[in-house]
Amino acid sequence: MALSVTLQINGHRVEAAVPANTLLVDFIREDLGLTGTHQGCDTAQCGACTVLVDGAASKSCNLLVAQVNGSAITTIEGLATEGGALHPMQQAFGRHHALQCGYCTSGMVMRGVAMAAEGVPAEAEAVRCALTGNLCRCTGYRGIVDAVCEGLQRMREVPAA
């Protein structure tokens, strides 16, 4: 049975008929072709699939599209400006070399962006705690934590566009 859904994906209205059991991560990757959101563990443990649902960090491998019907979804592709300028959190990840294989990076960036709205302080210990549930198997976390701290500072300095 197909369900009719309407979402805002990266600021664009999307209407679709999807099977009731369609996971958000599959819809984003397979139906919309937005492959920056990764599917890592299928159990909502690693955070590689993290997207923003109405501004809140959410693991898209654990959500049905039907559950987010009517919501605004932001993926990693939706962070850069129309002109292609990277989001301050993305820039910070580059400056701090906070990636290695890159598989977890989009989820880490999205989680970092959500921390700004959550009021997480740009302090290492607070960021480490807030990153619980997002795993990196390559880099360790120093560069990631440093990047998120800088990204949070920069996001709070620059008014949202």
Protein backbone atom coordinates (compact mmCIF):
# COMPACT_ATOMS: atom_id res chain seq x y z
CA MET A 1 0.00 0.00 0.00
CA ALA A 2 1.44 3.37 -1.03
CA LEU A 3 1.09 6.46 1.12
CA SER A 4 1.07 9.99 -0.22
CA VAL A 5 3.60 12.22 1.56
CA THR A 6 4.65 15.83 1.25
CA LEU A 7 7.96 17.01 2.67
CA GLN A 8 10.28 19.98 2.41
CA ILE A 9 13.68 18.52 1.50
CA ASN A 10 16.48 21.07 1.61
CA GLY A 11 13.93 23.83 1.06
CA HIS A 12 12.18 22.16 -1.88
CA ARG A 13 8.67 20.73 -1.72
CA VAL A 14 8.61 17.01 -2.50
CA GLU A 15 5.43 15.02 -3.02
CA ALA A 16 5.62 11.26 -3.42
CA ALA A 17 3.72 8.03 -3.09
CA VAL A 18 5.81 5.60 -1.03
CA PRO A 19 5.27 2.15 0.44
CA ALA A 20 4.26 2.41 4.11
CA ASN A 21 7.49 0.71 5.22
CA THR A 22 9.88 3.10 3.40
CA LEU A 23 12.68 4.29 5.63
CA LEU A 24 13.62 7.97 5.42
CA VAL A 25 17.27 7.10 4.64
CA ASP A 26 16.18 4.95 1.68
CA PHE A 27 13.83 7.64 0.39
CA ILE A 28 16.56 10.29 0.64
CA ARG A 29 19.22 8.16 -1.04
CA GLU A 30 17.29 6.04 -3.53
CA ASP A 31 14.26 8.12 -4.47
CA LEU A 32 15.82 11.58 -4.26
CA GLY A 33 19.43 10.68 -5.16
CA LEU A 34 20.87 12.59 -2.19
CA THR A 35 23.67 10.20 -1.34
CA GLY A 36 25.49 12.34 1.23
CA THR A 37 23.36 10.75 3.94
CA HIS A 38 24.98 7.40 4.66
CA GLN A 39 23.51 4.17 5.93
CA GLY A 40 25.96 2.67 8.37
CA CYS A 41 24.49 0.25 10.86
CA ASP A 42 20.72 0.00 10.25
CA THR A 43 20.16 0.07 14.01
CA ALA A 44 20.37 3.81 14.82
CA GLN A 45 23.66 3.24 16.63
CA CYS A 46 26.29 4.95 14.46
CA GLY A 47 24.71 8.24 13.35
CA ALA A 48 26.01 8.18 9.75
CA CYS A 49 22.41 8.69 8.59
CA THR A 50 21.78 11.80 10.72
CA VAL A 51 19.65 14.49 9.09
CA LEU A 52 17.69 17.40 10.53
CA VAL A 53 13.94 16.89 10.89
CA ASP A 54 12.34 20.24 11.66
CA GLY A 55 15.76 21.33 12.91
CA ALA A 56 16.39 18.39 15.25
CA ALA A 57 19.10 15.80 14.64
CA SER A 58 17.37 12.55 13.69
CA LYS A 59 18.67 9.18 12.54
CA SER A 60 16.99 8.59 9.22
CA CYS A 61 17.57 4.81 9.29
CA ASN A 62 15.16 4.62 12.20
CA LEU A 63 12.33 6.75 10.77
CA LEU A 64 9.64 5.91 8.26
CA VAL A 65 8.89 8.55 5.65
CA ALA A 66 5.27 8.42 6.85
CA GLN A 67 6.42 9.49 10.33
CA VAL A 68 7.92 12.72 8.99
CA ASN A 69 5.14 13.57 6.55
CA GLY A 70 4.77 17.37 6.51
CA SER A 71 8.21 17.95 8.04
CA ALA A 72 11.18 19.97 6.84
CA ILE A 73 14.18 17.70 6.25
CA THR A 74 17.70 19.02 5.82
CA THR A 75 20.43 16.74 4.51
CA ILE A 76 24.14 17.48 4.19
CA GLU A 77 23.45 18.65 0.61
CA GLY A 78 21.11 21.32 1.98
CA LEU A 79 23.69 23.06 4.17
CA ALA A 80 25.69 24.83 1.48
CA THR A 81 24.27 28.08 0.12
CA GLU A 82 22.71 28.36 -3.33
CA GLY A 83 26.01 29.86 -4.49
CA GLY A 84 27.90 26.85 -3.21
CA ALA A 85 29.52 28.39 -0.14
CA LEU A 86 29.97 25.78 2.56
CA HIS A 87 28.14 26.06 5.87
CA PRO A 88 30.35 27.22 8.79
CA MET A 89 30.24 23.70 10.30
CA GLN A 90 31.40 22.17 7.00
CA GLN A 91 34.20 24.74 6.76
CA ALA A 92 35.32 23.93 10.30
CA PHE A 93 35.44 20.20 9.52
CA GLY A 94 37.74 20.95 6.60
CA ARG A 95 39.99 23.24 8.61
CA HIS A 96 40.40 20.70 11.42
CA HIS A 97 40.83 17.71 9.11
CA ALA A 98 37.91 16.14 10.98
CA LEU A 99 37.47 13.30 8.55
CA GLN A 100 39.36 10.39 7.19
CA CYS A 101 37.30 7.92 5.21
CA GLY A 102 34.40 10.41 5.29
CA TYR A 103 31.67 7.87 5.95
CA CYS A 104 30.56 9.35 9.28
CA THR A 105 31.28 12.95 8.31
CA SER A 106 27.86 13.99 7.03
CA GLY A 107 26.19 12.63 10.17
CA MET A 108 28.75 14.34 12.39
CA VAL A 109 28.28 17.66 10.59
CA MET A 110 24.49 17.43 10.83
CA ARG A 111 24.70 16.55 14.53
CA GLY A 112 27.02 19.52 15.04
CA VAL A 113 24.59 21.87 13.30
CA ALA A 114 21.75 20.65 15.53
CA MET A 115 23.85 21.36 18.63
CA ALA A 116 23.63 25.08 17.94
CA ALA A 117 19.83 25.04 18.29
CA GLU A 118 20.12 22.82 21.35
CA GLY A 119 22.34 25.37 23.08
CA VAL A 120 25.31 23.02 23.44
CA PRO A 121 28.28 25.13 24.55
CA ALA A 122 31.26 25.31 22.20
CA GLU A 123 33.36 23.46 24.77
CA ALA A 124 35.12 20.14 24.21
CA GLU A 125 33.48 18.18 27.02
CA ALA A 126 29.96 19.36 26.16
CA VAL A 127 30.51 18.56 22.48
CA ARG A 128 31.89 15.10 23.28
CA CYS A 129 28.82 14.38 25.37
CA ALA A 130 26.46 15.69 22.67
CA LEU A 131 28.19 13.52 20.03
CA THR A 132 27.23 10.36 21.90
CA GLY A 133 25.46 8.19 19.35
CA ASN A 134 27.57 9.33 16.41
CA LEU A 135 30.52 7.04 15.84
CA CYS A 136 33.75 7.48 13.92
CA ARG A 137 35.83 4.41 13.30
CA CYS A 138 38.80 6.14 11.64
CA THR A 139 39.93 9.45 13.08
CA GLY A 140 39.41 9.38 16.77
CA TYR A 141 37.48 12.37 17.89
CA ARG A 142 39.89 15.23 18.55
CA GLY A 143 39.56 16.85 15.11
CA ILE A 144 35.80 16.29 15.13
CA VAL A 145 35.38 17.85 18.57
CA ASP A 146 37.61 20.80 17.64
CA ALA A 147 35.66 21.28 14.39
CA VAL A 148 32.28 21.19 16.11
CA CYS A 149 33.48 23.67 18.75
CA GLU A 150 34.66 26.07 16.04
CA GLY A 151 31.55 25.48 13.94
CA LEU A 152 29.30 26.28 16.89
CA GLN A 153 31.23 29.49 17.58
CA ARG A 154 31.01 30.56 13.95
CA MET A 155 27.32 29.70 13.66
CA ARG A 156 26.57 31.84 16.68
CA GLU A 157 28.57 34.78 15.28
CA VAL A 158 26.86 34.78 11.87
CA PRO A 159 23.09 35.28 11.65
CA ALA A 160 21.31 32.37 9.91
CA ALA A 161 20.61 33.00 6.24
